[in-house]
PDB file of N, CA and C in Angstrom:
ATOM      1  N   MET A   1       0.855  -1.187   0.000  1.00  0.00           N
ATOM      2  CA  MET A   1       0.000   0.000   0.000  1.00  0.00           C
ATOM      3  C   MET A   1       0.890   1.235   0.000  1.00  0.00           C
ATOM      4  N   SER A   2       0.671   2.097  -0.931  1.00  0.00           N
ATOM      5  CA  SER A   2       1.547   3.255  -1.095  1.00  0.00           C
ATOM      6  C   SER A   2       1.411   4.276   0.030  1.00  0.00           C
ATOM      7  N   ASP A   3       0.278   4.315   0.712  1.00  0.00           N
ATOM      8  CA  ASP A   3       0.094   5.299   1.786  1.00  0.00           C
ATOM      9  C   ASP A   3       0.333   4.728   3.180  1.00  0.00           C
ATOM     10  N   CYS A   4       0.754   3.472   3.271  1.00  0.00           N
ATOM     11  CA  CYS A   4       1.001   2.837   4.561  1.00  0.00           C
ATOM     12  C   CYS A   4       2.430   3.128   5.009  1.00  0.00           C
ATOM     13  N   LEU A   5       2.570   3.725   6.185  1.00  0.00           N
ATOM     14  CA  LEU A   5       3.879   4.076   6.724  1.00  0.00           C
ATOM     15  C   LEU A   5       4.801   2.864   6.802  1.00  0.00           C
ATOM     16  N   PHE A   6       4.312   1.749   7.332  1.00  0.00           N
ATOM     17  CA  PHE A   6       5.177   0.583   7.491  1.00  0.00           C
ATOM     18  C   PHE A   6       5.506  -0.073   6.157  1.00  0.00           C
ATOM     19  N   CYS A   7       4.607  -0.033   5.188  1.00  0.00           N
ATOM     20  CA  CYS A   7       4.934  -0.531   3.846  1.00  0.00           C
ATOM     21  C   CYS A   7       6.045   0.316   3.236  1.00  0.00           C
ATOM     22  N   ARG A   8       5.999   1.611   3.467  1.00  0.00           N
ATOM     23  CA  ARG A   8       7.045   2.497   2.953  1.00  0.00           C
ATOM     24  C   ARG A   8       8.386   2.205   3.635  1.00  0.00           C
ATOM     25  N   ILE A   9       8.358   1.899   4.927  1.00  0.00           N
ATOM     26  CA  ILE A   9       9.584   1.510   5.629  1.00  0.00           C
ATOM     27  C   ILE A   9      10.104   0.184   5.067  1.00  0.00           C
ATOM     28  N   VAL A  10       9.222  -0.797   4.902  1.00  0.00           N
ATOM     29  CA  VAL A  10       9.599  -2.102   4.349  1.00  0.00           C
ATOM     30  C   VAL A  10      10.228  -1.929   2.967  1.00  0.00           C
ATOM     31  N   ASN A  11       9.680  -1.029   2.159  1.00  0.00           N
ATOM     32  CA  ASN A  11      10.175  -0.810   0.803  1.00  0.00           C
ATOM     33  C   ASN A  11      11.430   0.058   0.747  1.00  0.00           C
ATOM     34  N   GLY A  12      11.905   0.519   1.895  1.00  0.00           N
ATOM     35  CA  GLY A  12      13.125   1.314   1.935  1.00  0.00           C
ATOM     36  C   GLY A  12      12.937   2.779   1.611  1.00  0.00           C
ATOM     37  N   GLU A  13      11.691   3.228   1.517  1.00  0.00           N
ATOM     38  CA  GLU A  13      11.413   4.637   1.204  1.00  0.00           C
ATOM     39  C   GLU A  13      11.644   5.544   2.405  1.00  0.00           C
ATOM     40  N   ILE A  14      11.533   4.996   3.596  1.00  0.00           N
ATOM     41  CA  ILE A  14      11.736   5.751   4.833  1.00  0.00           C
ATOM     42  C   ILE A  14      12.821   5.028   5.624  1.00  0.00           C
ATOM     43  N   PRO A  15      13.891   5.738   5.989  1.00  0.00           N
ATOM     44  CA  PRO A  15      14.968   5.074   6.736  1.00  0.00           C
ATOM     45  C   PRO A  15      14.527   4.723   8.147  1.00  0.00           C
ATOM     46  N   THR A  16      15.110   3.658   8.659  1.00  0.00           N
ATOM     47  CA  THR A  16      14.818   3.200  10.010  1.00  0.00           C
ATOM     48  C   THR A  16      16.031   2.457  10.545  1.00  0.00           C
ATOM     49  N   LYS A  17      16.078   2.279  11.848  1.00  0.00           N
ATOM     50  CA  LYS A  17      17.166   1.520  12.452  1.00  0.00           C
ATOM     51  C   LYS A  17      16.734   0.060  12.554  1.00  0.00           C
ATOM     52  N   LYS A  18      17.168  -0.743  11.587  1.00  0.00           N
ATOM     53  CA  LYS A  18      16.772  -2.146  11.507  1.00  0.00           C
ATOM     54  C   LYS A  18      17.427  -2.967  12.603  1.00  0.00           C
ATOM     55  N   VAL A  19      16.636  -3.884  13.141  1.00  0.00           N
ATOM     56  CA  VAL A  19      17.108  -4.833  14.140  1.00  0.00           C
ATOM     57  C   VAL A  19      17.170  -6.237  13.528  1.00  0.00           C
ATOM     58  N   HIS A  20      16.281  -6.510  12.582  1.00  0.00           N
ATOM     59  CA  HIS A  20      16.195  -7.815  11.920  1.00  0.00           C
ATOM     60  C   HIS A  20      15.510  -7.619  10.577  1.00  0.00           C
ATOM     61  N   GLU A  21      15.971  -8.366   9.581  1.00  0.00           N
ATOM     62  CA  GLU A  21      15.259  -8.396   8.305  1.00  0.00           C
ATOM     63  C   GLU A  21      15.509  -9.739   7.643  1.00  0.00           C
ATOM     64  N   ASP A  22      14.443 -10.297   7.097  1.00  0.00           N
ATOM     65  CA  ASP A  22      14.539 -11.482   6.256  1.00  0.00           C
ATOM     66  C   ASP A  22      13.506 -11.320   5.148  1.00  0.00           C
ATOM     67  N   GLU A  23      13.241 -12.380   4.412  1.00  0.00           N
ATOM     68  CA  GLU A  23      12.345 -12.257   3.258  1.00  0.00           C
ATOM     69  C   GLU A  23      10.896 -11.959   3.633  1.00  0.00           C
ATOM     70  N   ARG A  24      10.479 -12.264   4.858  1.00  0.00           N
ATOM     71  CA  ARG A  24       9.078 -12.080   5.253  1.00  0.00           C
ATOM     72  C   ARG A  24       8.829 -11.011   6.305  1.00  0.00           C
ATOM     73  N   TYR A  25       9.895 -10.607   7.040  1.00  0.00           N
ATOM     74  CA  TYR A  25       9.703  -9.738   8.191  1.00  0.00           C
ATOM     75  C   TYR A  25      10.761  -8.639   8.254  1.00  0.00           C
ATOM     76  N   LEU A  26      10.377  -7.569   8.930  1.00  0.00           N
ATOM     77  CA  LEU A  26      11.301  -6.489   9.246  1.00  0.00           C
ATOM     78  C   LEU A  26      11.050  -6.089  10.694  1.00  0.00           C
ATOM     79  N   ALA A  27      12.124  -5.924  11.445  1.00  0.00           N
ATOM     80  CA  ALA A  27      12.031  -5.431  12.826  1.00  0.00           C
ATOM     81  C   ALA A  27      12.903  -4.195  12.914  1.00  0.00           C
ATOM     82  N   PHE A  28      12.382  -3.164  13.579  1.00  0.00           N
ATOM     83  CA  PHE A  28      13.109  -1.903  13.667  1.00  0.00           C
ATOM     84  C   PHE A  28      12.761  -1.193  14.964  1.00  0.00           C
ATOM     85  N   GLU A  29      13.638  -0.293  15.381  1.00  0.00           N
ATOM     86  CA  GLU A  29      13.420   0.440  16.622  1.00  0.00           C
ATOM     87  C   GLU A  29      12.296   1.455  16.458  1.00  0.00           C
ATOM     88  N   ASP A  30      11.446   1.545  17.474  1.00  0.00           N
ATOM     89  CA  ASP A  30      10.351   2.519  17.491  1.00  0.00           C
ATOM     90  C   ASP A  30      10.940   3.916  17.639  1.00  0.00           C
ATOM     91  N   ILE A  31      10.411   4.884  16.881  1.00  0.00           N
ATOM     92  CA  ILE A  31      10.944   6.253  16.964  1.00  0.00           C
ATOM     93  C   ILE A  31      10.440   7.001  18.197  1.00  0.00           C
ATOM     94  N   HIS A  32       9.430   6.453  18.875  1.00  0.00           N
ATOM     95  CA  HIS A  32       8.928   7.024  20.124  1.00  0.00           C
ATOM     96  C   HIS A  32       8.913   5.915  21.179  1.00  0.00           C
ATOM     97  N   PRO A  33      10.096   5.476  21.617  1.00  0.00           N
ATOM     98  CA  PRO A  33      10.155   4.314  22.515  1.00  0.00           C
ATOM     99  C   PRO A  33       9.461   4.538  23.850  1.00  0.00           C
ATOM    100  N   GLN A  34       8.761   3.493  24.299  1.00  0.00           N
ATOM    101  CA  GLN A  34       8.065   3.496  25.579  1.00  0.00           C
ATOM    102  C   GLN A  34       8.802   2.689  26.634  1.00  0.00           C
ATOM    103  N   ALA A  35       9.993   2.215  26.273  1.00  0.00           N
ATOM    104  CA  ALA A  35      10.847   1.440  27.178  1.00  0.00           C
ATOM    105  C   ALA A  35      12.264   1.528  26.619  1.00  0.00           C
ATOM    106  N   PRO A  36      13.270   1.182  27.415  1.00  0.00           N
ATOM    107  CA  PRO A  36      14.641   1.214  26.907  1.00  0.00           C
ATOM    108  C   PRO A  36      14.821   0.381  25.627  1.00  0.00           C
ATOM    109  N   VAL A  37      14.118  -0.733  25.543  1.00  0.00           N
ATOM    110  CA  VAL A  37      14.065  -1.518  24.302  1.00  0.00           C
ATOM    111  C   VAL A  37      12.630  -1.443  23.806  1.00  0.00           C
ATOM    112  N   HIS A  38      12.442  -0.930  22.598  1.00  0.00           N
ATOM    113  CA  HIS A  38      11.113  -0.874  21.985  1.00  0.00           C
ATOM    114  C   HIS A  38      11.300  -1.117  20.494  1.00  0.00           C
ATOM    115  N   VAL A  39      11.026  -2.343  20.094  1.00  0.00           N
ATOM    116  CA  VAL A  39      11.208  -2.773  18.712  1.00  0.00           C
ATOM    117  C   VAL A  39       9.843  -3.115  18.130  1.00  0.00           C
ATOM    118  N   LEU A  40       9.622  -2.730  16.887  1.00  0.00           N
ATOM    119  CA  LEU A  40       8.414  -3.103  16.157  1.00  0.00           C
ATOM    120  C   LEU A  40       8.784  -4.203  15.176  1.00  0.00           C
ATOM    121  N   ILE A  41       7.987  -5.258  15.144  1.00  0.00           N
ATOM    122  CA  ILE A  41       8.199  -6.354  14.207  1.00  0.00           C
ATOM    123  C   ILE A  41       6.983  -6.397  13.292  1.00  0.00           C
ATOM    124  N   VAL A  42       7.237  -6.309  11.984  1.00  0.00           N
ATOM    125  CA  VAL A  42       6.140  -6.266  11.013  1.00  0.00           C
ATOM    126  C   VAL A  42       6.341  -7.342   9.950  1.00  0.00           C
ATOM    127  N   PRO A  43       5.238  -7.906   9.465  1.00  0.00           N
ATOM    128  CA  PRO A  43       5.366  -8.750   8.280  1.00  0.00           C
ATOM    129  C   PRO A  43       5.517  -7.827   7.066  1.00  0.00           C
ATOM    130  N   LYS A  44       6.247  -8.251   6.079  1.00  0.00           N
ATOM    131  CA  LYS A  44       6.374  -7.433   4.865  1.00  0.00           C
ATOM    132  C   LYS A  44       5.059  -7.412   4.079  1.00  0.00           C
ATOM    133  N   GLU A  45       4.270  -8.451   4.248  1.00  0.00           N
ATOM    134  CA  GLU A  45       2.933  -8.493   3.638  1.00  0.00           C
ATOM    135  C   GLU A  45       2.028  -7.522   4.389  1.00  0.00           C
ATOM    136  N   HIS A  46       1.293  -6.705   3.660  1.00  0.00           N
ATOM    137  CA  HIS A  46       0.406  -5.745   4.315  1.00  0.00           C
ATOM    138  C   HIS A  46      -0.866  -6.446   4.782  1.00  0.00           C
ATOM    139  N   ILE A  47      -1.080  -6.391   6.082  1.00  0.00           N
ATOM    140  CA  ILE A  47      -2.337  -6.799   6.720  1.00  0.00           C
ATOM    141  C   ILE A  47      -2.645  -5.647   7.665  1.00  0.00           C
ATOM    142  N   ALA A  48      -3.800  -5.039   7.541  1.00  0.00           N
ATOM    143  CA  ALA A  48      -4.090  -3.806   8.269  1.00  0.00           C
ATOM    144  C   ALA A  48      -4.161  -3.986   9.780  1.00  0.00           C
ATOM    145  N   SER A  49      -4.754  -5.068  10.240  1.00  0.00           N
ATOM    146  CA  SER A  49      -4.999  -5.222  11.674  1.00  0.00           C
ATOM    147  C   SER A  49      -5.146  -6.693  12.035  1.00  0.00           C
ATOM    148  N   VAL A  50      -4.904  -7.013  13.290  1.00  0.00           N
ATOM    149  CA  VAL A  50      -5.146  -8.365  13.778  1.00  0.00           C
ATOM    150  C   VAL A  50      -6.605  -8.745  13.527  1.00  0.00           C
ATOM    151  N   ALA A  51      -7.490  -7.777  13.529  1.00  0.00           N
ATOM    152  CA  ALA A  51      -8.917  -8.036  13.294  1.00  0.00           C
ATOM    153  C   ALA A  51      -9.182  -8.617  11.902  1.00  0.00           C
ATOM    154  N   GLU A  52      -8.244  -8.467  10.990  1.00  0.00           N
ATOM    155  CA  GLU A  52      -8.422  -8.964   9.619  1.00  0.00           C
ATOM    156  C   GLU A  52      -7.742 -10.302   9.367  1.00  0.00           C
ATOM    157  N   VAL A  53      -7.058 -10.837  10.356  1.00  0.00           N
ATOM    158  CA  VAL A  53      -6.294 -12.066  10.172  1.00  0.00           C
ATOM    159  C   VAL A  53      -7.228 -13.241   9.891  1.00  0.00           C
ATOM    160  N   VAL A  54      -6.818 -14.059   8.943  1.00  0.00           N
ATOM    161  CA  VAL A  54      -7.549 -15.287   8.627  1.00  0.00           C
ATOM    162  C   VAL A  54      -6.658 -16.476   8.982  1.00  0.00           C
ATOM    163  N   GLU A  55      -7.266 -17.633   9.072  1.00  0.00           N
ATOM    164  CA  GLU A  55      -6.563 -18.828   9.533  1.00  0.00           C
ATOM    165  C   GLU A  55      -5.294 -19.115   8.728  1.00  0.00           C
ATOM    166  N   GLU A  56      -5.325 -18.852   7.433  1.00  0.00           N
ATOM    167  CA  GLU A  56      -4.176 -19.131   6.575  1.00  0.00           C
ATOM    168  C   GLU A  56      -2.971 -18.250   6.918  1.00  0.00           C
ATOM    169  N   GLN A  57      -3.158 -17.206   7.711  1.00  0.00           N
ATOM    170  CA  GLN A  57      -2.066 -16.314   8.088  1.00  0.00           C
ATOM    171  C   GLN A  57      -1.495 -16.629   9.475  1.00  0.00           C
ATOM    172  N   ALA A  58      -1.950 -17.696  10.097  1.00  0.00           N
ATOM    173  CA  ALA A  58      -1.497 -18.043  11.450  1.00  0.00           C
ATOM    174  C   ALA A  58       0.013 -18.241  11.500  1.00  0.00           C
ATOM    175  N   GLU A  59       0.578 -18.920  10.527  1.00  0.00           N
ATOM    176  CA  GLU A  59       2.016 -19.168  10.518  1.00  0.00           C
ATOM    177  C   GLU A  59       2.785 -17.848  10.380  1.00  0.00           C
ATOM    178  N   LEU A  60       2.282 -16.933   9.578  1.00  0.00           N
ATOM    179  CA  LEU A  60       2.916 -15.627   9.412  1.00  0.00           C
ATOM    180  C   LEU A  60       2.951 -14.879  10.746  1.00  0.00           C
ATOM    181  N   LEU A  61       1.856 -14.908  11.487  1.00  0.00           N
ATOM    182  CA  LEU A  61       1.808 -14.233  12.779  1.00  0.00           C
ATOM    183  C   LEU A  61       2.684 -14.936  13.808  1.00  0.00           C
ATOM    184  N   GLY A  62       2.751 -16.240  13.752  1.00  0.00           N
ATOM    185  CA  GLY A  62       3.648 -16.969  14.639  1.00  0.00           C
ATOM    186  C   GLY A  62       5.095 -16.562  14.438  1.00  0.00           C
ATOM    187  N   GLY A  63       5.440 -16.239  13.201  1.00  0.00           N
ATOM    188  CA  GLY A  63       6.784 -15.772  12.904  1.00  0.00           C
ATOM    189  C   GLY A  63       7.120 -14.468  13.607  1.00  0.00           C
ATOM    190  N   LEU A  64       6.139 -13.600  13.777  1.00  0.00           N
ATOM    191  CA  LEU A  64       6.370 -12.342  14.503  1.00  0.00           C
ATOM    192  C   LEU A  64       6.823 -12.640  15.929  1.00  0.00           C
ATOM    193  N   ILE A  65       6.170 -13.597  16.567  1.00  0.00           N
ATOM    194  CA  ILE A  65       6.499 -13.944  17.952  1.00  0.00           C
ATOM    195  C   ILE A  65       7.864 -14.622  18.036  1.00  0.00           C
ATOM    196  N   THR A  66       8.156 -15.494  17.086  1.00  0.00           N
ATOM    197  CA  THR A  66       9.458 -16.159  17.055  1.00  0.00           C
ATOM    198  C   THR A  66      10.587 -15.142  16.910  1.00  0.00           C
ATOM    199  N   ILE A  67      10.411 -14.178  16.033  1.00  0.00           N
ATOM    200  CA  ILE A  67      11.422 -13.134  15.844  1.00  0.00           C
ATOM    201  C   ILE A  67      11.537 -12.274  17.099  1.00  0.00           C
ATOM    202  N   ALA A  68      10.414 -11.950  17.723  1.00  0.00           N
ATOM    203  CA  ALA A  68      10.449 -11.160  18.957  1.00  0.00           C
ATOM    204  C   ALA A  68      11.259 -11.891  20.029  1.00  0.00           C
ATOM    205  N   ALA A  69      11.051 -13.196  20.174  1.00  0.00           N
ATOM    206  CA  ALA A  69      11.792 -13.973  21.171  1.00  0.00           C
ATOM    207  C   ALA A  69      13.286 -13.974  20.857  1.00  0.00           C
ATOM    208  N   ARG A  70      13.638 -14.081  19.592  1.00  0.00           N
ATOM    209  CA  ARG A  70      15.052 -14.064  19.198  1.00  0.00           C
ATOM    210  C   ARG A  70      15.687 -12.709  19.517  1.00  0.00           C
ATOM    211  N   ILE A  71      14.984 -11.636  19.209  1.00  0.00           N
ATOM    212  CA  ILE A  71      15.500 -10.291  19.489  1.00  0.00           C
ATOM    213  C   ILE A  71      15.641 -10.092  20.999  1.00  0.00           C
ATOM    214  N   ALA A  72      14.649 -10.554  21.765  1.00  0.00           N
ATOM    215  CA  ALA A  72      14.710 -10.436  23.230  1.00  0.00           C
ATOM    216  C   ALA A  72      15.937 -11.159  23.777  1.00  0.00           C
ATOM    217  N   ARG A  73      16.244 -12.340  23.245  1.00  0.00           N
ATOM    218  CA  ARG A  73      17.452 -13.060  23.671  1.00  0.00           C
ATOM    219  C   ARG A  73      18.703 -12.265  23.299  1.00  0.00           C
ATOM    220  N   ASP A  74      18.740 -11.755  22.066  1.00  0.00           N
ATOM    221  CA  ASP A  74      19.904 -10.983  21.597  1.00  0.00           C
ATOM    222  C   ASP A  74      20.134  -9.734  22.442  1.00  0.00           C
ATOM    223  N   LYS A  75      19.040  -9.131  22.902  1.00  0.00           N
ATOM    224  CA  LYS A  75      19.134  -7.901  23.688  1.00  0.00           C
ATOM    225  C   LYS A  75      19.225  -8.184  25.190  1.00  0.00           C
ATOM    226  N   LYS A  76      19.359  -9.464  25.543  1.00  0.00           N
ATOM    227  CA  LYS A  76      19.556  -9.880  26.935  1.00  0.00           C
ATOM    228  C   LYS A  76      18.413  -9.433  27.848  1.00  0.00           C
ATOM    229  N   LEU A  77      17.185  -9.595  27.388  1.00  0.00           N
ATOM    230  CA  LEU A  77      16.010  -9.223  28.187  1.00  0.00           C
ATOM    231  C   LEU A  77      15.586 -10.400  29.068  1.00  0.00           C
ATOM    232  N   ASP A  78      16.563 -10.981  29.749  1.00  0.00           N
ATOM    233  CA  ASP A  78      16.344 -12.195  30.542  1.00  0.00           C
ATOM    234  C   ASP A  78      15.382 -11.997  31.707  1.00  0.00           C
ATOM    235  N   SER A  79      15.279 -10.783  32.238  1.00  0.00           N
ATOM    236  CA  SER A  79      14.390 -10.558  33.379  1.00  0.00           C
ATOM    237  C   SER A  79      12.938 -10.341  32.957  1.00  0.00           C
ATOM    238  N   GLY A  80      12.704 -10.248  31.663  1.00  0.00           N
ATOM    239  CA  GLY A  80      11.328 -10.138  31.172  1.00  0.00           C
ATOM    240  C   GLY A  80      11.151  -9.086  30.103  1.00  0.00           C
ATOM    241  N   TYR A  81      10.072  -9.244  29.366  1.00  0.00           N
ATOM    242  CA  TYR A  81       9.708  -8.293  28.319  1.00  0.00           C
ATOM    243  C   TYR A  81       8.219  -8.430  28.049  1.00  0.00           C
ATOM    244  N   ARG A  82       7.693  -7.497  27.302  1.00  0.00           N
ATOM    245  CA  ARG A  82       6.268  -7.500  26.981  1.00  0.00           C
ATOM    246  C   ARG A  82       6.107  -7.486  25.474  1.00  0.00           C
ATOM    247  N   LEU A  83       5.136  -8.275  24.984  1.00  0.00           N
ATOM    248  CA  LEU A  83       4.755  -8.274  23.581  1.00  0.00           C
ATOM    249  C   LEU A  83       3.338  -7.728  23.490  1.00  0.00           C
ATOM    250  N   VAL A  84       3.126  -6.780  22.560  1.00  0.00           N
ATOM    251  CA  VAL A  84       1.824  -6.117  22.468  1.00  0.00           C
ATOM    252  C   VAL A  84       1.383  -5.978  21.013  1.00  0.00           C
ATOM    253  N   PHE A  85       0.159  -6.409  20.741  1.00  0.00           N
ATOM    254  CA  PHE A  85      -0.541  -6.076  19.505  1.00  0.00           C
ATOM    255  C   PHE A  85      -1.640  -5.097  19.892  1.00  0.00           C
ATOM    256  N   ASN A  86      -1.672  -3.932  19.296  1.00  0.00           N
ATOM    257  CA  ASN A  86      -2.810  -3.027  19.454  1.00  0.00           C
ATOM    258  C   ASN A  86      -3.730  -3.294  18.273  1.00  0.00           C
ATOM    259  N   CYS A  87      -4.985  -3.552  18.550  1.00  0.00           N
ATOM    260  CA  CYS A  87      -5.930  -3.928  17.498  1.00  0.00           C
ATOM    261  C   CYS A  87      -7.059  -2.904  17.417  1.00  0.00           C
ATOM    262  N   GLN A  88      -6.999  -2.093  16.386  1.00  0.00           N
ATOM    263  CA  GLN A  88      -7.974  -1.059  16.060  1.00  0.00           C
ATOM    264  C   GLN A  88      -7.731   0.221  16.869  1.00  0.00           C
ATOM    265  N   LYS A  89      -8.393   1.261  16.460  1.00  0.00           N
ATOM    266  CA  LYS A  89      -8.166   2.608  16.995  1.00  0.00           C
ATOM    267  C   LYS A  89      -8.368   2.725  18.503  1.00  0.00           C
ATOM    268  N   ASP A  90      -9.445   2.171  19.023  1.00  0.00           N
ATOM    269  CA  ASP A  90      -9.723   2.308  20.461  1.00  0.00           C
ATOM    270  C   ASP A  90      -8.702   1.591  21.340  1.00  0.00           C
ATOM    271  N   ALA A  91      -7.944   0.682  20.774  1.00  0.00           N
ATOM    272  CA  ALA A  91      -6.908  -0.021  21.523  1.00  0.00           C
ATOM    273  C   ALA A  91      -5.533   0.625  21.330  1.00  0.00           C
ATOM    274  N   GLY A  92      -5.492   1.719  20.574  1.00  0.00           N
ATOM    275  CA  GLY A  92      -4.236   2.442  20.402  1.00  0.00           C
ATOM    276  C   GLY A  92      -3.506   2.174  19.103  1.00  0.00           C
ATOM    277  N   GLN A  93      -4.104   1.414  18.185  1.00  0.00           N
ATOM    278  CA  GLN A  93      -3.439   1.183  16.907  1.00  0.00           C
ATOM    279  C   GLN A  93      -3.437   2.472  16.104  1.00  0.00           C
ATOM    280  N   GLU A  94      -2.252   2.954  15.760  1.00  0.00           N
ATOM    281  CA  GLU A  94      -2.107   4.192  14.999  1.00  0.00           C
ATOM    282  C   GLU A  94      -1.711   3.949  13.551  1.00  0.00           C
ATOM    283  N   VAL A  95      -0.916   2.906  13.314  1.00  0.00           N
ATOM    284  CA  VAL A  95      -0.515   2.544  11.953  1.00  0.00           C
ATOM    285  C   VAL A  95      -1.246   1.257  11.607  1.00  0.00           C
ATOM    286  N   PHE A  96      -2.010   1.295  10.537  1.00  0.00           N
ATOM    287  CA  PHE A  96      -2.845   0.155  10.182  1.00  0.00           C
ATOM    288  C   PHE A  96      -2.106  -0.795   9.236  1.00  0.00           C
ATOM    289  N   HIS A  97      -1.074  -1.397   9.822  1.00  0.00           N
ATOM    290  CA  HIS A  97      -0.280  -2.491   9.258  1.00  0.00           C
ATOM    291  C   HIS A  97       0.111  -3.290  10.489  1.00  0.00           C
ATOM    292  N   ILE A  98      -0.267  -4.555  10.549  1.00  0.00           N
ATOM    293  CA  ILE A  98       0.008  -5.359  11.742  1.00  0.00           C
ATOM    294  C   ILE A  98       1.448  -5.168  12.181  1.00  0.00           C
ATOM    295  N   HIS A  99       1.610  -4.952  13.479  1.00  0.00           N
ATOM    296  CA  HIS A  99       2.947  -4.860  14.058  1.00  0.00           C
ATOM    297  C   HIS A  99       2.895  -5.311  15.508  1.00  0.00           C
ATOM    298  N   LEU A 100       3.971  -5.974  15.890  1.00  0.00           N
ATOM    299  CA  LEU A 100       4.110  -6.469  17.253  1.00  0.00           C
ATOM    300  C   LEU A 100       5.150  -5.607  17.952  1.00  0.00           C
ATOM    301  N   HIS A 101       4.770  -5.055  19.105  1.00  0.00           N
ATOM    302  CA  HIS A 101       5.702  -4.273  19.917  1.00  0.00           C
ATOM    303  C   HIS A 101       6.448  -5.223  20.847  1.00  0.00           C
ATOM    304  N   LEU A 102       7.763  -5.131  20.857  1.00  0.00           N
ATOM    305  CA  LEU A 102       8.606  -5.800  21.836  1.00  0.00           C
ATOM    306  C   LEU A 102       9.145  -4.714  22.755  1.00  0.00           C
ATOM    307  N   LEU A 103       8.749  -4.773  24.029  1.00  0.00           N
ATOM    308  CA  LEU A 103       9.170  -3.772  25.007  1.00  0.00           C
ATOM    309  C   LEU A 103       9.934  -4.452  26.128  1.00  0.00           C
ATOM    310  N   GLY A 104      11.043  -3.853  26.537  1.00  0.00           N
ATOM    311  CA  GLY A 104      11.822  -4.438  27.620  1.00  0.00           C
ATOM    312  C   GLY A 104      12.834  -3.456  28.168  1.00  0.00           C
ATOM    313  N   GLY A 105      13.569  -3.938  29.136  1.00  0.00           N
ATOM    314  CA  GLY A 105      14.607  -3.118  29.731  1.00  0.00           C
ATOM    315  C   GLY A 105      14.156  -2.313  30.934  1.00  0.00           C
ATOM    316  N   ARG A 106      12.915  -2.533  31.373  1.00  0.00           N
ATOM    317  CA  ARG A 106      12.405  -1.899  32.585  1.00  0.00           C
ATOM    318  C   ARG A 106      11.315  -2.785  33.159  1.00  0.00           C
ATOM    319  N   LYS A 107      10.928  -2.507  34.387  1.00  0.00           N
ATOM    320  CA  LYS A 107       9.842  -3.253  35.026  1.00  0.00           C
ATOM    321  C   LYS A 107       8.513  -2.689  34.542  1.00  0.00           C
ATOM    322  N   PHE A 108       7.582  -3.580  34.234  1.00  0.00           N
ATOM    323  CA  PHE A 108       6.251  -3.188  33.771  1.00  0.00           C
ATOM    324  C   PHE A 108       5.228  -3.432  34.875  1.00  0.00           C
ATOM    325  N   THR A 109       4.160  -2.672  34.855  1.00  0.00           N
ATOM    326  CA  THR A 109       3.076  -2.853  35.811  1.00  0.00           C
ATOM    327  C   THR A 109       1.844  -3.402  35.105  1.00  0.00           C
ATOM    328  N   TRP A 110       0.869  -3.807  35.910  1.00  0.00           N
ATOM    329  CA  TRP A 110      -0.389  -4.330  35.381  1.00  0.00           C
ATOM    330  C   TRP A 110      -1.523  -3.778  36.199  1.00  0.00           C
ATOM    331  N   PRO A 111      -2.618  -3.345  35.635  1.00  0.00           N
ATOM    332  CA  PRO A 111      -2.908  -3.358  34.205  1.00  0.00           C
ATOM    333  C   PRO A 111      -2.102  -2.290  33.456  1.00  0.00           C
ATOM    334  N   PRO A 112      -1.932  -2.496  32.146  1.00  0.00           N
ATOM    335  CA  PRO A 112      -1.063  -1.606  31.374  1.00  0.00           C
ATOM    336  C   PRO A 112      -1.656  -0.233  31.095  1.00  0.00           C
ATOM    337  N   GLY A 113      -2.933  -0.055  31.180  1.00  0.00           N
ATOM    338  CA  GLY A 113      -3.497   1.264  30.902  1.00  0.00           C
ATOM    339  C   GLY A 113      -4.714   1.145  30.161  1.00  0.00           C
TER     340      GLY A 113
END
């Protein structure tokens, strides 16, 4: 999608600090971090929201979690980290391209807000 911020990042039109890239996924540092470690992991395939996911995309979404776990290990987040999908506007989704937030490097509280 030409007007999708994350598609433009995936296509190299907007520079970002990459943490991981392969043929299906891109992970990069959030420009407005909410924790010492705040990485966004996106599939290169455009899917607007978790609300649109179909069963055939389960493996693609599982890959987001696998990559998040690998990055957490690489960043030594041994004491814990949080994974977050915001789904739709009322839940805080601002960019309508599925993305998983990996947050770590500080203690988190519950409920999150």
